[in-house]
Amino acid sequence: MSYIKHLGHVNAELRPTKYLEECSNSGALSNGSGEGSIALIVLNSPVTDHDYFRRLHEHACFRVYADGAANRIYELLTTHHAGLEWTEALRSAPPDVIHGDLDSLDSTVRQRYEEIGIEISEDPDQYSTDFGKAVKKVIQRLPRVQDVLVLGSIGGRVDQGIGLLGELYREQKLRLPAVRLWLFSEASVSTIVQPGLTTIHTPLKKGLITPNVGILPLYGPAVICTEGLEWDVKDWPTEMGGQMSTSNHIVENTTNIQTNNDVLFTVERAVNS
């Protein structure tokens, strides 16, 4: 038996490819009734891969477009469904609500979503971001939520990317410890691995992820053990400014991570997955 098996029981099992797969339940609820357990938040950043967006949208039972994200999805849908009337294009993937301070929402986009009956709600609080506002709306409307899928960019401005990773930690660690947050960026799927032993299912043969993986100590120094990577480590100190497990490679169908502090697990998404 390998050394990591002696470190304690598995306290979490994660499947980062789950929401990249086709949704088996095409009748997923989208009525804002508080039923279901999966929410999608779309942030105001470029969205150009329609199939990627569609899969996330279909897995969710409650969807929030955060302020200017509605502009991005409007452009995505009307471009992808160029042969359809705009009403049909928007109804192909409607949100349950467009929510935020609404300072970025285009007036024409707002009018057209209102015309097809989409709820638009405003939170004028200038001390919270659209991401924070969207998470709050999810909790209000989907009280039994278990997974929150966040479609957003960390490839633009450095301050906004780091800010998003900080907010991900705040919501996951401090406010919603029973909820799993997943960040789906342009190229990666990321989530926070909490202290203890976590098994992460990483089936490369499905073609949804690549072997490229990182375990980043963004939230303070950690000591980690890994199993299932090309360069496994044992009782390995990692911290910003010190040694970090970046550009590692998955070699097994499962990856085990033991850590004494929160770390960010990130795996590269395969092209067109």
Protein backbone atom coordinates (compact mmCIF):
# COMPACT_ATOMS: atom_id res chain seq x y z
CA MET A 1 0.00 0.00 0.00
CA SER A 2 1.35 3.44 -0.92
CA TYR A 3 2.39 5.95 1.71
CA ILE A 4 -0.53 8.31 1.13
CA LYS A 5 -3.06 5.64 2.12
CA HIS A 6 -1.68 5.73 5.66
CA LEU A 7 -2.34 9.45 6.11
CA GLY A 8 -6.02 9.17 6.96
CA HIS A 9 -9.43 8.49 5.47
CA VAL A 10 -10.58 10.19 2.30
CA ASN A 11 -12.58 13.25 3.34
CA ALA A 12 -13.55 14.36 -0.16
CA GLU A 13 -13.94 12.94 -3.66
CA LEU A 14 -13.94 15.39 -6.55
CA ARG A 15 -14.79 14.92 -10.23
CA PRO A 16 -13.56 17.94 -12.23
CA THR A 17 -14.69 16.40 -15.54
CA LYS A 18 -18.29 15.86 -14.43
CA TYR A 19 -19.64 19.16 -15.71
CA LEU A 20 -17.60 19.04 -18.92
CA GLU A 21 -19.54 15.96 -19.99
CA GLU A 22 -22.87 16.03 -21.78
CA CYS A 23 -25.70 16.40 -19.29
CA SER A 24 -27.66 13.17 -18.92
CA ASN A 25 -30.66 15.03 -17.50
CA SER A 26 -31.79 17.31 -20.30
CA GLY A 27 -34.89 18.17 -18.27
CA ALA A 28 -32.91 19.95 -15.56
CA LEU A 29 -35.09 22.32 -13.60
CA SER A 30 -34.88 26.00 -14.36
CA ASN A 31 -37.78 27.57 -12.56
CA GLY A 32 -36.16 29.32 -9.61
CA SER A 33 -38.22 27.19 -7.23
CA GLY A 34 -35.35 26.29 -4.91
CA GLU A 35 -35.28 22.71 -6.14
CA GLY A 36 -32.10 21.05 -7.35
CA SER A 37 -28.51 21.40 -6.20
CA ILE A 38 -26.40 22.85 -9.03
CA ALA A 39 -26.13 26.54 -9.90
CA LEU A 40 -24.29 28.36 -12.68
CA ILE A 41 -22.89 31.87 -12.38
CA VAL A 42 -21.65 33.49 -15.59
CA LEU A 43 -19.29 36.42 -15.05
CA ASN A 44 -18.66 39.38 -17.31
CA SER A 45 -15.75 38.02 -19.31
CA PRO A 46 -15.35 36.74 -22.88
CA VAL A 47 -17.35 33.58 -23.68
CA THR A 48 -16.57 32.27 -27.15
CA ASP A 49 -17.00 28.48 -26.88
CA HIS A 50 -20.71 27.78 -27.26
CA ASP A 51 -20.48 24.05 -26.56
CA TYR A 52 -18.48 24.64 -23.37
CA PHE A 53 -21.08 27.14 -22.15
CA ARG A 54 -23.99 24.91 -23.20
CA ARG A 55 -22.78 21.93 -21.18
CA LEU A 56 -22.39 23.99 -18.03
CA HIS A 57 -25.78 25.62 -18.60
CA GLU A 58 -27.53 22.27 -19.02
CA HIS A 59 -26.02 20.81 -15.84
CA ALA A 60 -27.38 23.66 -13.74
CA CYS A 61 -30.89 24.03 -12.39
CA PHE A 62 -30.48 27.71 -11.51
CA ARG A 63 -28.50 30.18 -13.64
CA VAL A 64 -27.38 33.71 -12.84
CA TYR A 65 -25.85 36.01 -15.45
CA ALA A 66 -23.89 38.57 -13.45
CA ASP A 67 -24.62 42.02 -14.88
CA GLY A 68 -22.58 42.46 -18.10
CA ALA A 69 -22.31 38.69 -18.51
CA ALA A 70 -25.72 38.97 -20.18
CA ASN A 71 -24.06 41.03 -22.95
CA ARG A 72 -21.50 38.27 -23.49
CA ILE A 73 -24.07 35.49 -23.66
CA TYR A 74 -26.35 37.57 -25.88
CA GLU A 75 -23.48 37.94 -28.36
CA LEU A 76 -22.55 34.26 -28.07
CA LEU A 77 -26.09 32.98 -28.69
CA THR A 78 -27.06 35.37 -31.46
CA THR A 79 -23.80 34.62 -33.26
CA HIS A 80 -24.04 30.85 -32.82
CA HIS A 81 -27.72 30.81 -33.85
CA ALA A 82 -27.33 33.37 -36.61
CA GLY A 83 -30.08 31.74 -38.65
CA LEU A 84 -32.68 32.16 -35.90
CA GLU A 85 -34.65 35.12 -34.64
CA TRP A 86 -33.00 36.72 -31.63
CA THR A 87 -35.89 35.59 -29.42
CA GLU A 88 -35.25 31.95 -30.30
CA ALA A 89 -31.51 32.34 -29.87
CA LEU A 90 -31.88 33.77 -26.36
CA ARG A 91 -34.46 31.17 -25.35
CA SER A 92 -32.00 28.39 -26.27
CA ALA A 93 -30.07 29.08 -23.03
CA PRO A 94 -31.98 31.49 -20.80
CA PRO A 95 -30.85 32.61 -17.34
CA ASP A 96 -33.18 32.48 -14.38
CA VAL A 97 -32.06 35.97 -13.45
CA ILE A 98 -29.69 38.73 -14.57
CA HIS A 99 -28.35 40.21 -11.36
CA GLY A 100 -25.86 42.86 -10.24
CA ASP A 101 -25.58 46.61 -9.96
CA LEU A 102 -26.46 46.63 -13.69
CA ASP A 103 -23.93 49.32 -14.59
CA SER A 104 -22.48 47.11 -17.33
CA LEU A 105 -25.72 45.75 -18.79
CA ASP A 106 -26.34 47.06 -22.30
CA SER A 107 -29.75 48.74 -22.61
CA THR A 108 -30.69 46.82 -25.77
CA VAL A 109 -29.65 43.52 -24.24
CA ARG A 110 -31.65 44.32 -21.13
CA GLN A 111 -34.73 45.20 -23.17
CA ARG A 112 -34.55 42.02 -25.21
CA TYR A 113 -34.14 39.75 -22.19
CA GLU A 114 -37.05 41.53 -20.53
CA GLU A 115 -39.15 40.94 -23.68
CA ILE A 116 -38.72 37.17 -23.33
CA GLY A 117 -39.65 37.30 -19.64
CA ILE A 118 -36.25 37.08 -17.94
CA GLU A 119 -36.07 38.50 -14.43
CA ILE A 120 -33.60 41.35 -13.98
CA SER A 121 -32.75 42.36 -10.42
CA GLU A 122 -30.50 45.09 -9.09
CA ASP A 123 -28.19 45.11 -6.07
CA PRO A 124 -26.66 48.61 -5.81
CA ASP A 125 -24.15 47.66 -3.08
CA GLN A 126 -20.81 49.16 -4.16
CA TYR A 127 -18.87 47.22 -1.52
CA SER A 128 -19.44 43.85 -3.17
CA THR A 129 -18.55 42.56 -6.62
CA ASP A 130 -20.93 41.09 -9.15
CA PHE A 131 -19.55 37.67 -8.22
CA GLY A 132 -20.40 38.20 -4.55
CA LYS A 133 -23.84 39.50 -5.46
CA ALA A 134 -24.46 36.49 -7.71
CA VAL A 135 -23.44 34.00 -5.00
CA LYS A 136 -25.80 35.72 -2.58
CA LYS A 137 -28.63 35.42 -5.11
CA VAL A 138 -27.92 31.71 -5.61
CA ILE A 139 -28.14 31.04 -1.87
CA GLN A 140 -31.40 32.98 -1.62
CA ARG A 141 -33.03 31.14 -4.49
CA LEU A 142 -31.41 27.72 -4.29
CA PRO A 143 -31.04 26.99 -0.56
CA ARG A 144 -30.04 23.36 -1.10
CA VAL A 145 -27.30 24.19 -3.57
CA GLN A 146 -24.32 21.81 -3.42
CA ASP A 147 -22.21 22.85 -6.41
CA VAL A 148 -21.77 26.34 -7.88
CA LEU A 149 -20.23 26.42 -11.35
CA VAL A 150 -18.53 29.74 -12.09
CA LEU A 151 -17.79 30.54 -15.72
CA GLY A 152 -15.30 33.37 -15.75
CA SER A 153 -11.92 34.57 -16.88
CA ILE A 154 -8.61 34.78 -15.07
CA GLY A 155 -6.74 35.55 -18.29
CA GLY A 156 -7.44 39.27 -18.48
CA ARG A 157 -6.36 41.90 -15.96
CA VAL A 158 -4.07 40.50 -13.28
CA ASP A 159 -5.82 42.32 -10.43
CA GLN A 160 -9.23 41.01 -11.46
CA GLY A 161 -7.95 37.46 -11.89
CA ILE A 162 -6.32 37.43 -8.46
CA GLY A 163 -9.39 39.09 -7.01
CA LEU A 164 -11.60 36.32 -8.39
CA LEU A 165 -9.38 33.62 -6.86
CA GLY A 166 -9.54 35.49 -3.56
CA GLU A 167 -13.33 35.67 -3.70
CA LEU A 168 -13.49 31.98 -4.54
CA TYR A 169 -11.60 31.28 -1.31
CA ARG A 170 -13.77 33.65 0.74
CA GLU A 171 -17.01 32.05 -0.39
CA GLN A 172 -15.72 28.46 -0.17
CA LYS A 173 -13.86 28.71 3.11
CA LEU A 174 -15.58 31.40 5.13
CA ARG A 175 -19.18 31.67 3.96
CA LEU A 176 -20.23 28.44 2.25
CA PRO A 177 -18.13 25.55 3.60
CA ALA A 178 -20.80 23.00 2.65
CA VAL A 179 -20.92 24.19 -0.98
CA ARG A 180 -18.39 23.22 -3.63
CA LEU A 181 -17.34 26.05 -5.97
CA TRP A 182 -15.85 25.24 -9.37
CA LEU A 183 -14.11 27.84 -11.53
CA PHE A 184 -14.32 27.18 -15.26
CA SER A 185 -11.94 29.55 -17.03
CA GLU A 186 -10.84 29.77 -20.64
CA ALA A 187 -8.43 26.86 -20.31
CA SER A 188 -8.82 25.23 -16.90
CA VAL A 189 -11.08 23.76 -14.26
CA SER A 190 -10.12 24.78 -10.73
CA THR A 191 -11.37 24.17 -7.20
CA ILE A 192 -10.08 24.50 -3.66
CA VAL A 193 -8.78 21.35 -1.99
CA GLN A 194 -9.26 21.60 1.76
CA PRO A 195 -7.10 20.10 4.53
CA GLY A 196 -7.15 16.31 4.72
CA LEU A 197 -7.01 13.63 2.07
CA THR A 198 -8.85 14.27 -1.19
CA THR A 199 -9.29 11.86 -4.09
CA ILE A 200 -9.72 13.58 -7.44
CA HIS A 201 -10.99 11.53 -10.38
CA THR A 202 -8.95 12.42 -13.44
CA PRO A 203 -9.91 10.09 -16.34
CA LEU A 204 -7.75 11.29 -19.21
CA LYS A 205 -9.25 8.80 -21.69
CA LYS A 206 -12.51 10.76 -21.78
CA GLY A 207 -10.66 13.51 -23.64
CA LEU A 208 -12.08 16.28 -21.46
CA ILE A 209 -8.88 17.26 -19.65
CA THR A 210 -5.19 17.15 -20.45
CA PRO A 211 -2.49 15.75 -18.12
CA ASN A 212 -1.39 19.29 -17.18
CA VAL A 213 -2.13 20.02 -13.53
CA GLY A 214 -1.09 22.39 -10.75
CA ILE A 215 -1.46 22.44 -6.95
CA LEU A 216 -1.05 26.05 -5.87
CA PRO A 217 -0.58 27.30 -2.28
CA LEU A 218 -2.43 30.55 -2.93
CA TYR A 219 -3.94 30.71 0.55
CA GLY A 220 -0.87 30.22 2.71
CA PRO A 221 2.00 27.77 3.15
CA ALA A 222 1.07 24.09 3.02
CA VAL A 223 2.68 20.68 3.33
CA ILE A 224 1.39 18.26 0.68
CA CYS A 225 1.65 14.65 -0.35
CA THR A 226 0.49 13.53 -3.79
CA GLU A 227 -0.14 10.26 -5.58
CA GLY A 228 -1.00 9.78 -9.25
CA LEU A 229 1.22 12.50 -10.72
CA GLU A 230 4.39 12.22 -12.75
CA TRP A 231 6.32 14.00 -10.00
CA ASP A 232 4.73 12.92 -6.74
CA VAL A 233 5.87 14.47 -3.48
CA LYS A 234 5.82 13.40 0.15
CA ASP A 235 5.64 15.80 3.12
CA TRP A 236 6.58 18.58 0.71
CA PRO A 237 6.46 22.21 1.89
CA THR A 238 4.98 24.57 -0.68
CA GLU A 239 4.34 28.30 -0.57
CA MET A 240 4.26 31.40 -2.73
CA GLY A 241 7.84 32.50 -3.24
CA GLY A 242 9.06 28.97 -2.54
CA GLN A 243 8.63 25.65 -4.27
CA MET A 244 5.31 24.97 -5.99
CA SER A 245 3.84 22.03 -7.88
CA THR A 246 3.09 23.65 -11.22
CA SER A 247 3.30 22.09 -14.68
CA ASN A 248 2.93 18.61 -13.20
CA HIS A 249 1.30 15.77 -15.12
CA ILE A 250 -1.51 13.35 -14.30
CA VAL A 251 -0.55 9.71 -14.92
CA GLU A 252 -3.40 7.85 -13.17
CA ASN A 253 -7.20 7.86 -13.29
CA THR A 254 -7.26 9.21 -9.74
CA THR A 255 -5.03 11.75 -8.06
CA ASN A 256 -4.73 11.79 -4.26
CA ILE A 257 -3.77 14.98 -2.46
CA GLN A 258 -3.06 15.23 1.25
CA THR A 259 -2.63 18.78 2.54
CA ASN A 260 -2.62 20.58 5.87
CA ASN A 261 -3.89 23.85 4.35
CA ASP A 262 -6.17 24.92 1.52
CA VAL A 263 -4.60 24.72 -1.93
CA LEU A 264 -5.97 25.43 -5.40
CA PHE A 265 -6.17 22.38 -7.66
CA THR A 266 -6.26 23.29 -11.34
CA VAL A 267 -6.31 21.04 -14.39
CA GLU A 268 -6.15 22.06 -18.02
CA ARG A 269 -9.30 21.59 -20.09
CA ALA A 270 -8.83 19.77 -23.40
CA VAL A 271 -9.48 21.86 -26.50
CA ASN A 272 -13.16 21.72 -27.51
CA SER A 273 -14.11 19.83 -24.34
